[in-house]
C-alpha atoms as a PDB file:
ATOM      1  CA  MET A   1     -74.378  46.376 -32.051  1.00  0.00           C
ATOM      2  CA  TYR A   2     -75.460  43.406 -33.835  1.00  0.00           C
ATOM      3  CA  ARG A   3     -74.330  39.973 -33.932  1.00  0.00           C
ATOM      4  CA  PHE A   4     -74.660  38.311 -37.584  1.00  0.00           C
ATOM      5  CA  VAL A   5     -75.045  34.279 -37.915  1.00  0.00           C
ATOM      6  CA  ASN A   6     -74.595  33.223 -41.319  1.00  0.00           C
ATOM      7  CA  ASN A   7     -76.405  29.702 -42.277  1.00  0.00           C
ATOM      8  CA  ASN A   8     -73.915  27.168 -40.724  1.00  0.00           C
ATOM      9  CA  GLY A   9     -71.121  29.343 -40.146  1.00  0.00           C
ATOM     10  CA  ILE A  10     -68.660  27.296 -37.479  1.00  0.00           C
ATOM     11  CA  VAL A  11     -67.354  29.991 -35.622  1.00  0.00           C
ATOM     12  CA  PRO A  12     -70.631  32.475 -34.521  1.00  0.00           C
ATOM     13  CA  GLN A  13     -73.597  29.948 -33.927  1.00  0.00           C
ATOM     14  CA  PRO A  14     -74.594  30.517 -30.444  1.00  0.00           C
ATOM     15  CA  PRO A  15     -74.814  27.756 -27.852  1.00  0.00           C
ATOM     16  CA  PRO A  16     -78.505  27.601 -26.771  1.00  0.00           C
ATOM     17  CA  GLU A  17     -79.514  29.245 -23.537  1.00  0.00           C
ATOM     18  CA  PRO A  18     -78.745  29.597 -20.554  1.00  0.00           C
ATOM     19  CA  VAL A  19     -75.041  29.170 -21.587  1.00  0.00           C
ATOM     20  CA  ARG A  20     -75.029  31.828 -23.582  1.00  0.00           C
ATOM     21  CA  THR A  21     -76.301  35.443 -22.685  1.00  0.00           C
ATOM     22  CA  PRO A  22     -78.706  36.682 -25.436  1.00  0.00           C
ATOM     23  CA  VAL A  23     -77.450  39.355 -27.688  1.00  0.00           C
ATOM     24  CA  ARG A  24     -80.777  41.931 -27.984  1.00  0.00           C
ATOM     25  CA  ALA A  25     -79.803  42.557 -31.812  1.00  0.00           C
ATOM     26  CA  LEU A  26     -79.131  38.909 -33.371  1.00  0.00           C
ATOM     27  CA  ARG A  27     -79.634  38.643 -37.329  1.00  0.00           C
ATOM     28  CA  HIS A  28     -79.566  35.328 -39.046  1.00  0.00           C
ATOM     29  CA  LEU A  29     -78.356  34.751 -42.660  1.00  0.00           C
ATOM     30  CA  ASP A  30     -80.439  31.820 -43.914  1.00  0.00           C
ATOM     31  CA  SER A  31     -79.109  29.362 -46.812  1.00  0.00           C
ATOM     32  CA  GLU A  32     -80.089  31.951 -49.428  1.00  0.00           C
ATOM     33  CA  GLY A  33     -78.502  34.848 -47.629  1.00  0.00           C
ATOM     34  CA  ARG A  34     -81.721  36.219 -46.532  1.00  0.00           C
ATOM     35  CA  LEU A  35     -81.577  38.544 -43.662  1.00  0.00           C
ATOM     36  CA  HIS A  36     -83.789  37.622 -40.523  1.00  0.00           C
ATOM     37  CA  GLU A  37     -84.556  39.317 -37.019  1.00  0.00           C
ATOM     38  CA  SER A  38     -85.264  35.600 -35.229  1.00  0.00           C
ATOM     39  CA  VAL A  39     -85.940  32.195 -36.887  1.00  0.00           C
ATOM     40  CA  PRO A  40     -87.599  29.979 -34.884  1.00  0.00           C
ATOM     41  CA  LEU A  41     -86.225  26.387 -34.267  1.00  0.00           C
ATOM     42  CA  LEU A  42     -87.760  24.244 -36.619  1.00  0.00           C
ATOM     43  CA  PRO A  43     -87.132  26.701 -39.730  1.00  0.00           C
ATOM     44  CA  ALA A  44     -83.716  27.530 -38.591  1.00  0.00           C
ATOM     45  CA  LEU A  45     -83.048  23.416 -38.266  1.00  0.00           C
ATOM     46  CA  GLY A  46     -84.690  22.810 -42.083  1.00  0.00           C
ATOM     47  CA  ASP A  47     -82.433  25.789 -43.183  1.00  0.00           C
ATOM     48  CA  ARG A  48     -79.553  24.559 -41.730  1.00  0.00           C
ATOM     49  CA  ALA A  49     -80.002  21.125 -43.617  1.00  0.00           C
ATOM     50  CA  ARG A  50     -80.629  22.959 -46.307  1.00  0.00           C
ATOM     51  CA  GLY A  51     -77.396  24.598 -46.410  1.00  0.00           C
ATOM     52  CA  LEU A  52     -75.585  21.559 -45.789  1.00  0.00           C
ATOM     53  CA  THR A  53     -77.085  19.328 -48.391  1.00  0.00           C
ATOM     54  CA  ALA A  54     -76.369  22.574 -51.212  1.00  0.00           C
ATOM     55  CA  ASP A  55     -72.824  21.153 -52.171  1.00  0.00           C
ATOM     56  CA  PRO A  56     -73.558  17.284 -51.843  1.00  0.00           C
ATOM     57  CA  PHE A  57     -69.844  16.821 -52.588  1.00  0.00           C
ATOM     58  CA  ALA A  58     -68.573  18.874 -49.498  1.00  0.00           C
ATOM     59  CA  PRO A  59     -71.354  19.053 -47.061  1.00  0.00           C
ATOM     60  CA  ALA A  60     -68.985  19.576 -44.154  1.00  0.00           C
ATOM     61  CA  ALA A  61     -67.227  22.521 -45.538  1.00  0.00           C
ATOM     62  CA  ASP A  62     -70.520  24.630 -45.304  1.00  0.00           C
ATOM     63  CA  GLY A  63     -69.926  25.875 -42.120  1.00  0.00           C
ATOM     64  CA  VAL A  64     -66.529  27.225 -43.096  1.00  0.00           C
ATOM     65  CA  ARG A  65     -67.843  28.567 -46.320  1.00  0.00           C
ATOM     66  CA  ASP A  66     -70.961  30.546 -44.211  1.00  0.00           C
ATOM     67  CA  HIS A  67     -67.960  32.102 -41.901  1.00  0.00           C
ATOM     68  CA  LEU A  68     -65.990  33.564 -44.900  1.00  0.00           C
ATOM     69  CA  MET A  69     -66.308  37.193 -44.883  1.00  0.00           C
ATOM     70  CA  ARG A  70     -67.319  37.525 -48.453  1.00  0.00           C
ATOM     71  CA  HIS A  71     -69.915  35.434 -47.837  1.00  0.00           C
ATOM     72  CA  TYR A  72     -71.610  37.809 -45.082  1.00  0.00           C
ATOM     73  CA  LEU A  73     -70.663  40.913 -47.319  1.00  0.00           C
ATOM     74  CA  ALA A  74     -72.316  39.738 -50.029  1.00  0.00           C
ATOM     75  CA  ALA A  75     -75.247  38.931 -48.044  1.00  0.00           C
ATOM     76  CA  LEU A  76     -75.496  41.972 -46.470  1.00  0.00           C
ATOM     77  CA  GLU A  77     -75.070  43.944 -49.506  1.00  0.00           C
ATOM     78  CA  HIS A  78     -78.313  42.134 -51.260  1.00  0.00           C
ATOM     79  CA  ASN A  79     -80.309  43.112 -47.708  1.00  0.00           C
ATOM     80  CA  PRO A  80     -80.423  46.629 -47.323  1.00  0.00           C
ATOM     81  CA  ALA A  81     -81.728  48.055 -44.195  1.00  0.00           C
END
């Protein structure tokens, strides 16, 4: 079982430990759609900022855009196993 987090998607953003139980197979999709097995804190914050500034006219919409299933599917199609 895998859990995917697409950059700034509003629903799957995991809360910090110890509030959540870590998922062993957590995968991150960055702002450019690249798949990562892990993302260190500082690079993750920079990537989230890039995602938020990708559309200067609707920065708050990034979380909703990233949560759309078609964006997950498109990113996964470009990252074959």
